[in-house]
Amino acid sequence: MSTQKKVTPPASHKQVHQPAPENNILFTKENYKWMVVGLIVMAIGFFLMAGGKSPDPNVFNDAEIYSFRRITLAPILIVGGLVIEIFAIIKKQK
């Protein structure tokens, strides 16, 4: 009959080194402010793109549909809002 001794490591090996508690908040208040600004800019862009109801449904008014506001300004605001959202997500706290 052989007896095996159970080997226990020294006490110093049993200690688990845990990192110091840090502030692991994903977004700060400033990030959320930038996100709201981006959402508002995108909402304004969608609002400017909407509309175009004609008083007579049988008449096509291309000047109203293809206006600068709908074709150029609104998409620029929407893309600008998306860029602000990306900035808000990537921005790190100091």
PDB file of N, CA and C in Angstrom:
ATOM      1  N   MET A   1       0.809  -1.158   0.000  1.00  0.00           N
ATOM      2  CA  MET A   1       0.000   0.000   0.000  1.00  0.00           C
ATOM      3  C   MET A   1       0.871   1.246   0.000  1.00  0.00           C
ATOM      4  N   SER A   2       0.646   2.049  -0.979  1.00  0.00           N
ATOM      5  CA  SER A   2       1.444   3.262  -1.025  1.00  0.00           C
ATOM      6  C   SER A   2       0.577   4.445  -0.595  1.00  0.00           C
ATOM      7  N   THR A   3       1.186   5.254   0.136  1.00  0.00           N
ATOM      8  CA  THR A   3       0.462   6.449   0.586  1.00  0.00           C
ATOM      9  C   THR A   3       1.036   7.655  -0.137  1.00  0.00           C
ATOM     10  N   GLN A   4       0.140   8.442  -0.646  1.00  0.00           N
ATOM     11  CA  GLN A   4       0.570   9.651  -1.348  1.00  0.00           C
ATOM     12  C   GLN A   4       0.310  10.848  -0.452  1.00  0.00           C
ATOM     13  N   LYS A   5       1.285  11.665  -0.386  1.00  0.00           N
ATOM     14  CA  LYS A   5       1.136  12.880   0.400  1.00  0.00           C
ATOM     15  C   LYS A   5       0.527  13.969  -0.474  1.00  0.00           C
ATOM     16  N   LYS A   6      -0.387  14.665   0.092  1.00  0.00           N
ATOM     17  CA  LYS A   6      -0.995  15.771  -0.625  1.00  0.00           C
ATOM     18  C   LYS A   6      -0.102  16.993  -0.444  1.00  0.00           C
ATOM     19  N   VAL A   7       0.371  17.495  -1.560  1.00  0.00           N
ATOM     20  CA  VAL A   7       1.283  18.632  -1.524  1.00  0.00           C
ATOM     21  C   VAL A   7       0.453  19.902  -1.620  1.00  0.00           C
ATOM     22  N   THR A   8       0.630  20.766  -0.678  1.00  0.00           N
ATOM     23  CA  THR A   8      -0.087  22.042  -0.711  1.00  0.00           C
ATOM     24  C   THR A   8       0.904  23.147  -1.044  1.00  0.00           C
ATOM     25  N   PRO A   9       0.500  24.022  -1.930  1.00  0.00           N
ATOM     26  CA  PRO A   9       1.405  25.118  -2.289  1.00  0.00           C
ATOM     27  C   PRO A   9       1.551  26.073  -1.110  1.00  0.00           C
ATOM     28  N   PRO A  10       2.607  26.838  -1.126  1.00  0.00           N
ATOM     29  CA  PRO A  10       2.802  27.802  -0.051  1.00  0.00           C
ATOM     30  C   PRO A  10       1.654  28.815  -0.006  1.00  0.00           C
ATOM     31  N   ALA A  11       1.468  29.440   1.116  1.00  0.00           N
ATOM     32  CA  ALA A  11       0.363  30.378   1.318  1.00  0.00           C
ATOM     33  C   ALA A  11       0.434  31.563   0.363  1.00  0.00           C
ATOM     34  N   SER A  12       1.625  31.928  -0.030  1.00  0.00           N
ATOM     35  CA  SER A  12       1.752  33.089  -0.914  1.00  0.00           C
ATOM     36  C   SER A  12       1.152  32.825  -2.289  1.00  0.00           C
ATOM     37  N   HIS A  13       1.071  31.577  -2.718  1.00  0.00           N
ATOM     38  CA  HIS A  13       0.495  31.241  -4.020  1.00  0.00           C
ATOM     39  C   HIS A  13      -1.022  31.237  -3.993  1.00  0.00           C
ATOM     40  N   LYS A  14      -1.605  31.149  -2.828  1.00  0.00           N
ATOM     41  CA  LYS A  14      -3.061  31.109  -2.734  1.00  0.00           C
ATOM     42  C   LYS A  14      -3.692  32.484  -2.907  1.00  0.00           C
ATOM     43  N   GLN A  15      -2.912  33.520  -2.745  1.00  0.00           N
ATOM     44  CA  GLN A  15      -3.479  34.854  -2.844  1.00  0.00           C
ATOM     45  C   GLN A  15      -3.792  35.166  -4.308  1.00  0.00           C
ATOM     46  N   VAL A  16      -4.992  35.626  -4.522  1.00  0.00           N
ATOM     47  CA  VAL A  16      -5.405  36.004  -5.857  1.00  0.00           C
ATOM     48  C   VAL A  16      -5.285  37.516  -5.963  1.00  0.00           C
ATOM     49  N   HIS A  17      -4.554  37.936  -6.960  1.00  0.00           N
ATOM     50  CA  HIS A  17      -4.357  39.367  -7.142  1.00  0.00           C
ATOM     51  C   HIS A  17      -5.509  39.919  -7.959  1.00  0.00           C
ATOM     52  N   GLN A  18      -6.332  40.712  -7.318  1.00  0.00           N
ATOM     53  CA  GLN A  18      -7.439  41.347  -8.013  1.00  0.00           C
ATOM     54  C   GLN A  18      -7.061  42.784  -8.320  1.00  0.00           C
ATOM     55  N   PRO A  19      -7.412  43.225  -9.508  1.00  0.00           N
ATOM     56  CA  PRO A  19      -7.082  44.607  -9.845  1.00  0.00           C
ATOM     57  C   PRO A  19      -7.850  45.570  -8.940  1.00  0.00           C
ATOM     58  N   ALA A  20      -7.274  46.720  -8.752  1.00  0.00           N
ATOM     59  CA  ALA A  20      -7.930  47.734  -7.934  1.00  0.00           C
ATOM     60  C   ALA A  20      -9.239  48.142  -8.597  1.00  0.00           C
ATOM     61  N   PRO A  21     -10.278  48.371  -7.812  1.00  0.00           N
ATOM     62  CA  PRO A  21     -11.553  48.763  -8.422  1.00  0.00           C
ATOM     63  C   PRO A  21     -11.402  50.092  -9.151  1.00  0.00           C
ATOM     64  N   GLU A  22     -11.825  50.097 -10.408  1.00  0.00           N
ATOM     65  CA  GLU A  22     -11.728  51.290 -11.227  1.00  0.00           C
ATOM     66  C   GLU A  22     -13.123  51.737 -11.615  1.00  0.00           C
ATOM     67  N   ASN A  23     -13.204  52.920 -12.103  1.00  0.00           N
ATOM     68  CA  ASN A  23     -14.471  53.452 -12.570  1.00  0.00           C
ATOM     69  C   ASN A  23     -14.681  52.955 -14.004  1.00  0.00           C
ATOM     70  N   ASN A  24     -15.387  51.870 -14.180  1.00  0.00           N
ATOM     71  CA  ASN A  24     -15.577  51.247 -15.490  1.00  0.00           C
ATOM     72  C   ASN A  24     -16.889  51.669 -16.122  1.00  0.00           C
ATOM     73  N   ILE A  25     -17.241  52.925 -16.037  1.00  0.00           N
ATOM     74  CA  ILE A  25     -18.461  53.410 -16.664  1.00  0.00           C
ATOM     75  C   ILE A  25     -18.207  53.508 -18.164  1.00  0.00           C
ATOM     76  N   LEU A  26     -19.110  52.935 -18.951  1.00  0.00           N
ATOM     77  CA  LEU A  26     -18.923  52.903 -20.397  1.00  0.00           C
ATOM     78  C   LEU A  26     -19.072  54.293 -21.012  1.00  0.00           C
ATOM     79  N   PHE A  27     -20.141  54.997 -20.669  1.00  0.00           N
ATOM     80  CA  PHE A  27     -20.375  56.336 -21.194  1.00  0.00           C
ATOM     81  C   PHE A  27     -20.520  57.315 -20.049  1.00  0.00           C
ATOM     82  N   THR A  28     -20.027  58.516 -20.265  1.00  0.00           N
ATOM     83  CA  THR A  28     -20.177  59.562 -19.261  1.00  0.00           C
ATOM     84  C   THR A  28     -21.364  60.445 -19.627  1.00  0.00           C
ATOM     85  N   LYS A  29     -21.629  61.406 -18.769  1.00  0.00           N
ATOM     86  CA  LYS A  29     -22.741  62.325 -19.010  1.00  0.00           C
ATOM     87  C   LYS A  29     -22.510  63.113 -20.297  1.00  0.00           C
ATOM     88  N   GLU A  30     -21.253  63.450 -20.562  1.00  0.00           N
ATOM     89  CA  GLU A  30     -20.926  64.201 -21.781  1.00  0.00           C
ATOM     90  C   GLU A  30     -21.191  63.356 -23.036  1.00  0.00           C
ATOM     91  N   ASN A  31     -20.903  62.048 -22.974  1.00  0.00           N
ATOM     92  CA  ASN A  31     -21.193  61.177 -24.110  1.00  0.00           C
ATOM     93  C   ASN A  31     -22.693  61.177 -24.420  1.00  0.00           C
ATOM     94  N   TYR A  32     -23.497  61.088 -23.368  1.00  0.00           N
ATOM     95  CA  TYR A  32     -24.950  61.080 -23.570  1.00  0.00           C
ATOM     96  C   TYR A  32     -25.443  62.409 -24.129  1.00  0.00           C
ATOM     97  N   LYS A  33     -24.839  63.510 -23.716  1.00  0.00           N
ATOM     98  CA  LYS A  33     -25.223  64.809 -24.273  1.00  0.00           C
ATOM     99  C   LYS A  33     -24.939  64.852 -25.772  1.00  0.00           C
ATOM    100  N   TRP A  34     -23.769  64.364 -26.180  1.00  0.00           N
ATOM    101  CA  TRP A  34     -23.435  64.345 -27.608  1.00  0.00           C
ATOM    102  C   TRP A  34     -24.377  63.414 -28.375  1.00  0.00           C
ATOM    103  N   MET A  35     -24.771  62.300 -27.748  1.00  0.00           N
ATOM    104  CA  MET A  35     -25.709  61.389 -28.412  1.00  0.00           C
ATOM    105  C   MET A  35     -27.058  62.057 -28.639  1.00  0.00           C
ATOM    106  N   VAL A  36     -27.532  62.806 -27.655  1.00  0.00           N
ATOM    107  CA  VAL A  36     -28.807  63.516 -27.806  1.00  0.00           C
ATOM    108  C   VAL A  36     -28.698  64.574 -28.897  1.00  0.00           C
ATOM    109  N   VAL A  37     -27.570  65.290 -28.943  1.00  0.00           N
ATOM    110  CA  VAL A  37     -27.369  66.291 -29.992  1.00  0.00           C
ATOM    111  C   VAL A  37     -27.403  65.620 -31.372  1.00  0.00           C
ATOM    112  N   GLY A  38     -26.742  64.481 -31.506  1.00  0.00           N
ATOM    113  CA  GLY A  38     -26.758  63.755 -32.783  1.00  0.00           C
ATOM    114  C   GLY A  38     -28.151  63.310 -33.178  1.00  0.00           C
ATOM    115  N   LEU A  39     -28.929  62.831 -32.211  1.00  0.00           N
ATOM    116  CA  LEU A  39     -30.308  62.421 -32.501  1.00  0.00           C
ATOM    117  C   LEU A  39     -31.165  63.604 -32.926  1.00  0.00           C
ATOM    118  N   ILE A  40     -30.972  64.748 -32.294  1.00  0.00           N
ATOM    119  CA  ILE A  40     -31.745  65.937 -32.668  1.00  0.00           C
ATOM    120  C   ILE A  40     -31.387  66.391 -34.077  1.00  0.00           C
ATOM    121  N   VAL A  41     -30.098  66.371 -34.422  1.00  0.00           N
ATOM    122  CA  VAL A  41     -29.672  66.769 -35.774  1.00  0.00           C
ATOM    123  C   VAL A  41     -30.263  65.817 -36.812  1.00  0.00           C
ATOM    124  N   MET A  42     -30.257  64.508 -36.532  1.00  0.00           N
ATOM    125  CA  MET A  42     -30.850  63.553 -37.465  1.00  0.00           C
ATOM    126  C   MET A  42     -32.356  63.752 -37.575  1.00  0.00           C
ATOM    127  N   ALA A  43     -33.031  64.028 -36.469  1.00  0.00           N
ATOM    128  CA  ALA A  43     -34.479  64.251 -36.500  1.00  0.00           C
ATOM    129  C   ALA A  43     -34.821  65.481 -37.336  1.00  0.00           C
ATOM    130  N   ILE A  44     -34.024  66.534 -37.215  1.00  0.00           N
ATOM    131  CA  ILE A  44     -34.246  67.733 -38.042  1.00  0.00           C
ATOM    132  C   ILE A  44     -34.074  67.385 -39.518  1.00  0.00           C
ATOM    133  N   GLY A  45     -33.061  66.577 -39.836  1.00  0.00           N
ATOM    134  CA  GLY A  45     -32.849  66.165 -41.227  1.00  0.00           C
ATOM    135  C   GLY A  45     -34.021  65.366 -41.775  1.00  0.00           C
ATOM    136  N   PHE A  46     -34.541  64.431 -40.983  1.00  0.00           N
ATOM    137  CA  PHE A  46     -35.701  63.657 -41.440  1.00  0.00           C
ATOM    138  C   PHE A  46     -36.935  64.539 -41.566  1.00  0.00           C
ATOM    139  N   PHE A  47     -37.086  65.502 -40.658  1.00  0.00           N
ATOM    140  CA  PHE A  47     -38.224  66.415 -40.727  1.00  0.00           C
ATOM    141  C   PHE A  47     -38.166  67.258 -41.993  1.00  0.00           C
ATOM    142  N   LEU A  48     -36.966  67.738 -42.341  1.00  0.00           N
ATOM    143  CA  LEU A  48     -36.828  68.544 -43.554  1.00  0.00           C
ATOM    144  C   LEU A  48     -37.047  67.721 -44.819  1.00  0.00           C
ATOM    145  N   MET A  49     -36.767  66.440 -44.763  1.00  0.00           N
ATOM    146  CA  MET A  49     -36.949  65.579 -45.922  1.00  0.00           C
ATOM    147  C   MET A  49     -38.416  65.201 -46.132  1.00  0.00           C
ATOM    148  N   ALA A  50     -39.199  65.221 -45.094  1.00  0.00           N
ATOM    149  CA  ALA A  50     -40.604  64.803 -45.171  1.00  0.00           C
ATOM    150  C   ALA A  50     -41.448  65.860 -45.874  1.00  0.00           C
ATOM    151  N   GLY A  51     -42.676  65.489 -46.148  1.00  0.00           N
ATOM    152  CA  GLY A  51     -43.628  66.431 -46.730  1.00  0.00           C
ATOM    153  C   GLY A  51     -43.739  66.252 -48.222  1.00  0.00           C
ATOM    154  N   GLY A  52     -44.202  67.296 -48.885  1.00  0.00           N
ATOM    155  CA  GLY A  52     -44.334  67.260 -50.327  1.00  0.00           C
ATOM    156  C   GLY A  52     -45.731  66.919 -50.797  1.00  0.00           C
ATOM    157  N   LYS A  53     -46.695  67.029 -49.890  1.00  0.00           N
ATOM    158  CA  LYS A  53     -48.068  66.734 -50.294  1.00  0.00           C
ATOM    159  C   LYS A  53     -48.555  67.824 -51.242  1.00  0.00           C
ATOM    160  N   SER A  54     -49.090  67.391 -52.349  1.00  0.00           N
ATOM    161  CA  SER A  54     -49.589  68.311 -53.356  1.00  0.00           C
ATOM    162  C   SER A  54     -51.089  68.516 -53.156  1.00  0.00           C
ATOM    163  N   PRO A  55     -51.579  69.731 -53.374  1.00  0.00           N
ATOM    164  CA  PRO A  55     -53.023  69.941 -53.238  1.00  0.00           C
ATOM    165  C   PRO A  55     -53.821  69.130 -54.260  1.00  0.00           C
ATOM    166  N   ASP A  56     -53.223  68.889 -55.430  1.00  0.00           N
ATOM    167  CA  ASP A  56     -53.882  68.082 -56.460  1.00  0.00           C
ATOM    168  C   ASP A  56     -53.038  66.835 -56.701  1.00  0.00           C
ATOM    169  N   PRO A  57     -53.545  65.630 -56.349  1.00  0.00           N
ATOM    170  CA  PRO A  57     -52.734  64.419 -56.502  1.00  0.00           C
ATOM    171  C   PRO A  57     -52.440  64.048 -57.954  1.00  0.00           C
ATOM    172  N   ASN A  58     -53.114  64.661 -58.904  1.00  0.00           N
ATOM    173  CA  ASN A  58     -52.883  64.358 -60.312  1.00  0.00           C
ATOM    174  C   ASN A  58     -51.770  65.211 -60.919  1.00  0.00           C
ATOM    175  N   VAL A  59     -51.251  66.166 -60.161  1.00  0.00           N
ATOM    176  CA  VAL A  59     -50.208  67.062 -60.662  1.00  0.00           C
ATOM    177  C   VAL A  59     -48.907  66.743 -59.934  1.00  0.00           C
ATOM    178  N   PHE A  60     -47.841  66.520 -60.709  1.00  0.00           N
ATOM    179  CA  PHE A  60     -46.523  66.249 -60.134  1.00  0.00           C
ATOM    180  C   PHE A  60     -45.716  67.541 -60.143  1.00  0.00           C
ATOM    181  N   ASN A  61     -45.365  68.020 -58.962  1.00  0.00           N
ATOM    182  CA  ASN A  61     -44.593  69.251 -58.838  1.00  0.00           C
ATOM    183  C   ASN A  61     -43.137  68.883 -58.549  1.00  0.00           C
ATOM    184  N   ASP A  62     -42.343  68.822 -59.592  1.00  0.00           N
ATOM    185  CA  ASP A  62     -40.952  68.395 -59.415  1.00  0.00           C
ATOM    186  C   ASP A  62     -40.115  69.437 -58.669  1.00  0.00           C
ATOM    187  N   ALA A  63     -40.489  70.712 -58.730  1.00  0.00           N
ATOM    188  CA  ALA A  63     -39.735  71.739 -58.008  1.00  0.00           C
ATOM    189  C   ALA A  63     -39.866  71.534 -56.492  1.00  0.00           C
ATOM    190  N   GLU A  64     -41.006  71.028 -56.062  1.00  0.00           N
ATOM    191  CA  GLU A  64     -41.209  70.792 -54.631  1.00  0.00           C
ATOM    192  C   GLU A  64     -40.509  69.511 -54.171  1.00  0.00           C
ATOM    193  N   ILE A  65     -40.579  68.483 -54.967  1.00  0.00           N
ATOM    194  CA  ILE A  65     -39.977  67.195 -54.606  1.00  0.00           C
ATOM    195  C   ILE A  65     -38.455  67.275 -54.665  1.00  0.00           C
ATOM    196  N   TYR A  66     -37.918  67.870 -55.711  1.00  0.00           N
ATOM    197  CA  TYR A  66     -36.469  67.920 -55.905  1.00  0.00           C
ATOM    198  C   TYR A  66     -35.875  69.254 -55.462  1.00  0.00           C
ATOM    199  N   SER A  67     -36.323  69.763 -54.364  1.00  0.00           N
ATOM    200  CA  SER A  67     -35.824  71.044 -53.870  1.00  0.00           C
ATOM    201  C   SER A  67     -34.481  70.854 -53.166  1.00  0.00           C
ATOM    202  N   PHE A  68     -33.766  71.960 -52.986  1.00  0.00           N
ATOM    203  CA  PHE A  68     -32.479  71.933 -52.293  1.00  0.00           C
ATOM    204  C   PHE A  68     -32.641  71.367 -50.878  1.00  0.00           C
ATOM    205  N   ARG A  69     -33.725  71.712 -50.236  1.00  0.00           N
ATOM    206  CA  ARG A  69     -33.957  71.278 -48.853  1.00  0.00           C
ATOM    207  C   ARG A  69     -34.045  69.756 -48.758  1.00  0.00           C
ATOM    208  N   ARG A  70     -34.734  69.116 -49.684  1.00  0.00           N
ATOM    209  CA  ARG A  70     -34.931  67.660 -49.615  1.00  0.00           C
ATOM    210  C   ARG A  70     -33.778  66.856 -50.204  1.00  0.00           C
ATOM    211  N   ILE A  71     -33.149  67.367 -51.223  1.00  0.00           N
ATOM    212  CA  ILE A  71     -32.117  66.609 -51.925  1.00  0.00           C
ATOM    213  C   ILE A  71     -30.725  66.845 -51.361  1.00  0.00           C
ATOM    214  N   THR A  72     -30.460  68.015 -50.808  1.00  0.00           N
ATOM    215  CA  THR A  72     -29.107  68.329 -50.345  1.00  0.00           C
ATOM    216  C   THR A  72     -29.031  68.553 -48.843  1.00  0.00           C
ATOM    217  N   LEU A  73     -29.829  69.469 -48.329  1.00  0.00           N
ATOM    218  CA  LEU A  73     -29.716  69.869 -46.928  1.00  0.00           C
ATOM    219  C   LEU A  73     -30.086  68.741 -45.957  1.00  0.00           C
ATOM    220  N   ALA A  74     -31.209  68.085 -46.187  1.00  0.00           N
ATOM    221  CA  ALA A  74     -31.655  67.024 -45.265  1.00  0.00           C
ATOM    222  C   ALA A  74     -30.670  65.855 -45.192  1.00  0.00           C
ATOM    223  N   PRO A  75     -30.180  65.319 -46.315  1.00  0.00           N
ATOM    224  CA  PRO A  75     -29.193  64.237 -46.210  1.00  0.00           C
ATOM    225  C   PRO A  75     -27.887  64.660 -45.531  1.00  0.00           C
ATOM    226  N   ILE A  76     -27.463  65.911 -45.739  1.00  0.00           N
ATOM    227  CA  ILE A  76     -26.253  66.387 -45.061  1.00  0.00           C
ATOM    228  C   ILE A  76     -26.473  66.403 -43.554  1.00  0.00           C
ATOM    229  N   LEU A  77     -27.649  66.849 -43.104  1.00  0.00           N
ATOM    230  CA  LEU A  77     -27.936  66.856 -41.673  1.00  0.00           C
ATOM    231  C   LEU A  77     -27.999  65.441 -41.101  1.00  0.00           C
ATOM    232  N   ILE A  78     -28.562  64.513 -41.851  1.00  0.00           N
ATOM    233  CA  ILE A  78     -28.666  63.127 -41.360  1.00  0.00           C
ATOM    234  C   ILE A  78     -27.270  62.511 -41.232  1.00  0.00           C
ATOM    235  N   VAL A  79     -26.435  62.686 -42.236  1.00  0.00           N
ATOM    236  CA  VAL A  79     -25.069  62.154 -42.173  1.00  0.00           C
ATOM    237  C   VAL A  79     -24.275  62.862 -41.070  1.00  0.00           C
ATOM    238  N   GLY A  80     -24.488  64.165 -40.929  1.00  0.00           N
ATOM    239  CA  GLY A  80     -23.833  64.898 -39.846  1.00  0.00           C
ATOM    240  C   GLY A  80     -24.252  64.373 -38.477  1.00  0.00           C
ATOM    241  N   GLY A  81     -25.532  64.043 -38.320  1.00  0.00           N
ATOM    242  CA  GLY A  81     -26.003  63.459 -37.062  1.00  0.00           C
ATOM    243  C   GLY A  81     -25.366  62.110 -36.794  1.00  0.00           C
ATOM    244  N   LEU A  82     -25.181  61.308 -37.828  1.00  0.00           N
ATOM    245  CA  LEU A  82     -24.521  60.011 -37.659  1.00  0.00           C
ATOM    246  C   LEU A  82     -23.050  60.189 -37.264  1.00  0.00           C
ATOM    247  N   VAL A  83     -22.387  61.181 -37.837  1.00  0.00           N
ATOM    248  CA  VAL A  83     -20.988  61.458 -37.466  1.00  0.00           C
ATOM    249  C   VAL A  83     -20.911  61.899 -36.004  1.00  0.00           C
ATOM    250  N   ILE A  84     -21.869  62.706 -35.572  1.00  0.00           N
ATOM    251  CA  ILE A  84     -21.900  63.129 -34.165  1.00  0.00           C
ATOM    252  C   ILE A  84     -22.118  61.915 -33.258  1.00  0.00           C
ATOM    253  N   GLU A  85     -22.976  60.981 -33.665  1.00  0.00           N
ATOM    254  CA  GLU A  85     -23.217  59.770 -32.873  1.00  0.00           C
ATOM    255  C   GLU A  85     -21.939  58.934 -32.756  1.00  0.00           C
ATOM    256  N   ILE A  86     -21.210  58.797 -33.843  1.00  0.00           N
ATOM    257  CA  ILE A  86     -19.953  58.038 -33.805  1.00  0.00           C
ATOM    258  C   ILE A  86     -18.952  58.729 -32.880  1.00  0.00           C
ATOM    259  N   PHE A  87     -18.882  60.055 -32.974  1.00  0.00           N
ATOM    260  CA  PHE A  87     -18.002  60.815 -32.081  1.00  0.00           C
ATOM    261  C   PHE A  87     -18.404  60.592 -30.622  1.00  0.00           C
ATOM    262  N   ALA A  88     -19.711  60.600 -30.350  1.00  0.00           N
ATOM    263  CA  ALA A  88     -20.197  60.436 -28.971  1.00  0.00           C
ATOM    264  C   ALA A  88     -19.846  59.064 -28.428  1.00  0.00           C
ATOM    265  N   ILE A  89     -19.863  58.059 -29.270  1.00  0.00           N
ATOM    266  CA  ILE A  89     -19.552  56.701 -28.807  1.00  0.00           C
ATOM    267  C   ILE A  89     -18.045  56.525 -28.601  1.00  0.00           C
ATOM    268  N   ILE A  90     -17.243  57.102 -29.481  1.00  0.00           N
ATOM    269  CA  ILE A  90     -15.796  56.898 -29.412  1.00  0.00           C
ATOM    270  C   ILE A  90     -15.136  57.788 -28.358  1.00  0.00           C
ATOM    271  N   LYS A  91     -15.730  58.938 -28.059  1.00  0.00           N
ATOM    272  CA  LYS A  91     -15.123  59.895 -27.127  1.00  0.00           C
ATOM    273  C   LYS A  91     -14.853  59.243 -25.772  1.00  0.00           C
ATOM    274  N   LYS A  92     -13.632  59.386 -25.303  1.00  0.00           N
ATOM    275  CA  LYS A  92     -13.254  58.798 -24.006  1.00  0.00           C
ATOM    276  C   LYS A  92     -13.245  59.870 -22.936  1.00  0.00           C
ATOM    277  N   GLN A  93     -13.437  59.414 -21.717  1.00  0.00           N
ATOM    278  CA  GLN A  93     -13.400  60.354 -20.603  1.00  0.00           C
ATOM    279  C   GLN A  93     -11.967  60.718 -20.268  1.00  0.00           C
ATOM    280  N   LYS A  94     -11.795  61.865 -19.650  1.00  0.00           N
ATOM    281  CA  LYS A  94     -10.453  62.350 -19.322  1.00  0.00           C
ATOM    282  C   LYS A  94      -9.956  61.767 -18.038  1.00  0.00           C
TER     283      LYS A  94
END
